[in-house]
C-alpha atoms as a PDB file:
ATOM      1  CA  MET A   1       0.000   0.000   0.000  1.00  0.00           C
ATOM      2  CA  SER A   2       1.339   3.446  -0.873  1.00  0.00           C
ATOM      3  CA  ALA A   3       2.329   5.966   1.786  1.00  0.00           C
ATOM      4  CA  ARG A   4      -0.269   8.375   0.410  1.00  0.00           C
ATOM      5  CA  ARG A   5      -3.077   5.848   0.793  1.00  0.00           C
ATOM      6  CA  VAL A   6      -1.971   4.865   4.306  1.00  0.00           C
ATOM      7  CA  ALA A   7      -1.765   8.519   5.311  1.00  0.00           C
ATOM      8  CA  ARG A   8      -5.222   9.289   3.939  1.00  0.00           C
ATOM      9  CA  GLU A   9      -6.759   6.327   5.783  1.00  0.00           C
ATOM     10  CA  LEU A  10      -5.040   7.219   9.056  1.00  0.00           C
ATOM     11  CA  ALA A  11      -5.943  10.899   8.712  1.00  0.00           C
ATOM     12  CA  LYS A  12      -9.551  10.005   8.013  1.00  0.00           C
ATOM     13  CA  GLU A  13      -9.686   7.630  11.009  1.00  0.00           C
ATOM     14  CA  LEU A  14      -8.280  10.361  13.269  1.00  0.00           C
ATOM     15  CA  GLY A  15     -10.905  12.841  12.073  1.00  0.00           C
ATOM     16  CA  PHE A  16      -8.874  15.185   9.871  1.00  0.00           C
ATOM     17  CA  SER A  17     -11.008  17.276   7.510  1.00  0.00           C
ATOM     18  CA  ALA A  18     -10.952  16.530   3.775  1.00  0.00           C
ATOM     19  CA  PHE A  19      -8.871  19.708   3.334  1.00  0.00           C
ATOM     20  CA  ASP A  20      -6.257  18.568   5.871  1.00  0.00           C
ATOM     21  CA  GLN A  21      -6.267  15.060   4.403  1.00  0.00           C
ATOM     22  CA  SER A  22      -5.347  16.639   1.056  1.00  0.00           C
ATOM     23  CA  ARG A  23      -2.588  18.649   2.715  1.00  0.00           C
ATOM     24  CA  ILE A  24      -1.169  15.501   4.293  1.00  0.00           C
ATOM     25  CA  ILE A  25      -1.231  13.748   0.909  1.00  0.00           C
ATOM     26  CA  THR A  26       0.552  16.755  -0.622  1.00  0.00           C
ATOM     27  CA  LEU A  27       3.206  16.650   2.109  1.00  0.00           C
ATOM     28  CA  ILE A  28       3.881  12.974   1.442  1.00  0.00           C
ATOM     29  CA  SER A  29       3.915  13.483  -2.328  1.00  0.00           C
ATOM     30  CA  GLU A  30       6.521  16.243  -1.997  1.00  0.00           C
ATOM     31  CA  LEU A  31       8.662  14.169   0.352  1.00  0.00           C
ATOM     32  CA  ALA A  32       8.466  11.125  -1.947  1.00  0.00           C
ATOM     33  CA  ARG A  33       9.272  13.248  -4.994  1.00  0.00           C
ATOM     34  CA  ASN A  34      12.368  14.624  -3.253  1.00  0.00           C
ATOM     35  CA  ILE A  35      13.523  11.124  -2.314  1.00  0.00           C
ATOM     36  CA  PHE A  36      13.044   9.864  -5.861  1.00  0.00           C
ATOM     37  CA  LYS A  37      14.560  12.911  -7.563  1.00  0.00           C
ATOM     38  CA  TYR A  38      17.570  13.551  -5.346  1.00  0.00           C
ATOM     39  CA  ALA A  39      18.366  10.264  -3.584  1.00  0.00           C
ATOM     40  CA  GLY A  40      16.930   7.610  -5.881  1.00  0.00           C
ATOM     41  CA  ARG A  41      15.632   5.543  -2.982  1.00  0.00           C
ATOM     42  CA  GLY A  42      14.473   5.835   0.566  1.00  0.00           C
ATOM     43  CA  TYR A  43      11.311   5.367   2.523  1.00  0.00           C
ATOM     44  CA  ILE A  44       8.467   7.133   4.249  1.00  0.00           C
ATOM     45  CA  SER A  45       6.888   5.957   7.483  1.00  0.00           C
ATOM     46  CA  ILE A  46       3.753   7.296   9.113  1.00  0.00           C
ATOM     47  CA  GLU A  47       2.583   6.961  12.694  1.00  0.00           C
ATOM     48  CA  THR A  48      -0.342   8.210  14.715  1.00  0.00           C
ATOM     49  CA  ILE A  49       0.630  10.178  17.803  1.00  0.00           C
ATOM     50  CA  LYS A  50      -0.937  11.802  20.837  1.00  0.00           C
ATOM     51  CA  GLY A  51       0.249  15.058  22.326  1.00  0.00           C
ATOM     52  CA  ARG A  52       0.561  15.856  26.006  1.00  0.00           C
ATOM     53  CA  ASN A  53      -2.796  17.606  25.930  1.00  0.00           C
ATOM     54  CA  GLY A  54      -4.446  14.583  24.296  1.00  0.00           C
ATOM     55  CA  ALA A  55      -4.343  16.043  20.781  1.00  0.00           C
ATOM     56  CA  LYS A  56      -4.098  13.505  17.965  1.00  0.00           C
ATOM     57  CA  GLY A  57      -1.822  13.778  14.990  1.00  0.00           C
ATOM     58  CA  LEU A  58       0.305  12.141  12.351  1.00  0.00           C
ATOM     59  CA  LYS A  59       4.089  12.030  12.372  1.00  0.00           C
ATOM     60  CA  ILE A  60       5.717  11.435   9.007  1.00  0.00           C
ATOM     61  CA  HIS A  61       9.340  10.370   8.584  1.00  0.00           C
ATOM     62  CA  ALA A  62      11.087  10.590   5.188  1.00  0.00           C
ATOM     63  CA  ILE A  63      14.523   8.979   5.128  1.00  0.00           C
ATOM     64  CA  ASP A  64      16.997   8.493   2.311  1.00  0.00           C
ATOM     65  CA  CYS A  65      20.652   7.577   1.880  1.00  0.00           C
ATOM     66  CA  GLY A  66      21.270  10.039  -0.932  1.00  0.00           C
ATOM     67  CA  PRO A  67      23.911  12.733  -1.282  1.00  0.00           C
ATOM     68  CA  GLY A  68      22.460  14.937   1.467  1.00  0.00           C
ATOM     69  CA  ILE A  69      21.698  18.629   1.222  1.00  0.00           C
ATOM     70  CA  LEU A  70      24.779  20.846   1.131  1.00  0.00           C
ATOM     71  CA  ASN A  71      23.077  24.008   2.387  1.00  0.00           C
ATOM     72  CA  VAL A  72      19.813  23.369   4.266  1.00  0.00           C
ATOM     73  CA  ASN A  73      19.089  27.057   4.870  1.00  0.00           C
ATOM     74  CA  GLN A  74      19.369  27.768   1.171  1.00  0.00           C
ATOM     75  CA  ALA A  75      17.251  24.702   0.285  1.00  0.00           C
ATOM     76  CA  LEU A  76      14.503  26.037   2.563  1.00  0.00           C
ATOM     77  CA  GLU A  77      14.361  29.359   0.694  1.00  0.00           C
ATOM     78  CA  GLN A  78      11.388  29.752  -1.634  1.00  0.00           C
ATOM     79  CA  GLY A  79      12.589  29.561  -5.243  1.00  0.00           C
ATOM     80  CA  TYR A  80      15.984  27.964  -4.595  1.00  0.00           C
ATOM     81  CA  SER A  81      16.641  24.830  -6.642  1.00  0.00           C
ATOM     82  CA  THR A  82      19.648  22.769  -7.639  1.00  0.00           C
ATOM     83  CA  SER A  83      17.686  20.909 -10.312  1.00  0.00           C
ATOM     84  CA  GLY A  84      15.951  23.666 -12.265  1.00  0.00           C
ATOM     85  CA  SER A  85      12.585  23.121 -10.545  1.00  0.00           C
ATOM     86  CA  LEU A  86      10.482  25.894  -9.000  1.00  0.00           C
ATOM     87  CA  GLY A  87      12.212  25.433  -5.639  1.00  0.00           C
ATOM     88  CA  ALA A  88       8.914  25.220  -3.781  1.00  0.00           C
ATOM     89  CA  GLY A  89       9.064  21.676  -2.336  1.00  0.00           C
ATOM     90  CA  LEU A  90      10.877  21.947   0.997  1.00  0.00           C
ATOM     91  CA  PRO A  91       9.610  25.464   1.760  1.00  0.00           C
ATOM     92  CA  ALA A  92       6.032  24.283   1.125  1.00  0.00           C
ATOM     93  CA  ILE A  93       6.523  21.215   3.304  1.00  0.00           C
ATOM     94  CA  LYS A  94       7.810  23.395   6.127  1.00  0.00           C
ATOM     95  CA  ARG A  95       4.867  25.815   5.775  1.00  0.00           C
ATOM     96  CA  MET A  96       2.178  23.128   5.649  1.00  0.00           C
ATOM     97  CA  ALA A  97       3.522  21.050   8.538  1.00  0.00           C
ATOM     98  CA  ASP A  98       2.770  21.979  12.134  1.00  0.00           C
ATOM     99  CA  GLU A  99       6.229  20.766  13.160  1.00  0.00           C
ATOM    100  CA  PHE A 100       9.212  20.331  10.855  1.00  0.00           C
ATOM    101  CA  SER A 101      12.773  19.158  11.324  1.00  0.00           C
ATOM    102  CA  ILE A 102      15.490  18.144   8.917  1.00  0.00           C
ATOM    103  CA  GLN A 103      18.802  16.393   9.454  1.00  0.00           C
ATOM    104  CA  THR A 104      21.208  15.892   6.604  1.00  0.00           C
ATOM    105  CA  ALA A 105      24.851  15.090   6.060  1.00  0.00           C
ATOM    106  CA  GLU A 106      26.829  15.229   2.851  1.00  0.00           C
ATOM    107  CA  GLY A 107      27.093  11.731   1.397  1.00  0.00           C
ATOM    108  CA  LYS A 108      24.927  10.210   4.131  1.00  0.00           C
ATOM    109  CA  GLY A 109      21.401  11.243   3.261  1.00  0.00           C
ATOM    110  CA  THR A 110      18.526  13.231   4.659  1.00  0.00           C
ATOM    111  CA  TYR A 111      15.898  12.694   7.336  1.00  0.00           C
ATOM    112  CA  VAL A 112      12.822  14.920   7.347  1.00  0.00           C
ATOM    113  CA  LYS A 113      10.328  14.632  10.198  1.00  0.00           C
ATOM    114  CA  ILE A 114       7.019  16.433  10.077  1.00  0.00           C
ATOM    115  CA  THR A 115       3.982  16.455  12.317  1.00  0.00           C
ATOM    116  CA  LYS A 116       0.448  17.445  11.447  1.00  0.00           C
ATOM    117  CA  TRP A 117      -1.919  17.901  14.424  1.00  0.00           C
ATOM    118  CA  LEU A 118      -5.669  17.476  14.307  1.00  0.00           C
ATOM    119  CA  ASN A 119      -7.181  20.895  15.029  1.00  0.00           C
END
């Protein structure tokens, strides 16, 4: 089963609106596209979580063993691209996620963790 389908089912079960379900699917699509385009292979995992205040959410992990990102700050700037694309992927992911973190090392890959909370 695809990560997008799993995410949609989990989001629906948790009670996310159709709009937020679409956002979650978009987040996963962007993460998967980055893995495919820049690393060639990797994986995405999705888990349901509960916050300290009882809030429900989804945590999404995107991990690859690609070349890594040389300048994360630059990669997070709207319009910056090393591949001739629009340079909107990572900035959009960061904007749409409620929580965002990225770890990367040259030659060792990239790990992006995002959280989307049910409002």
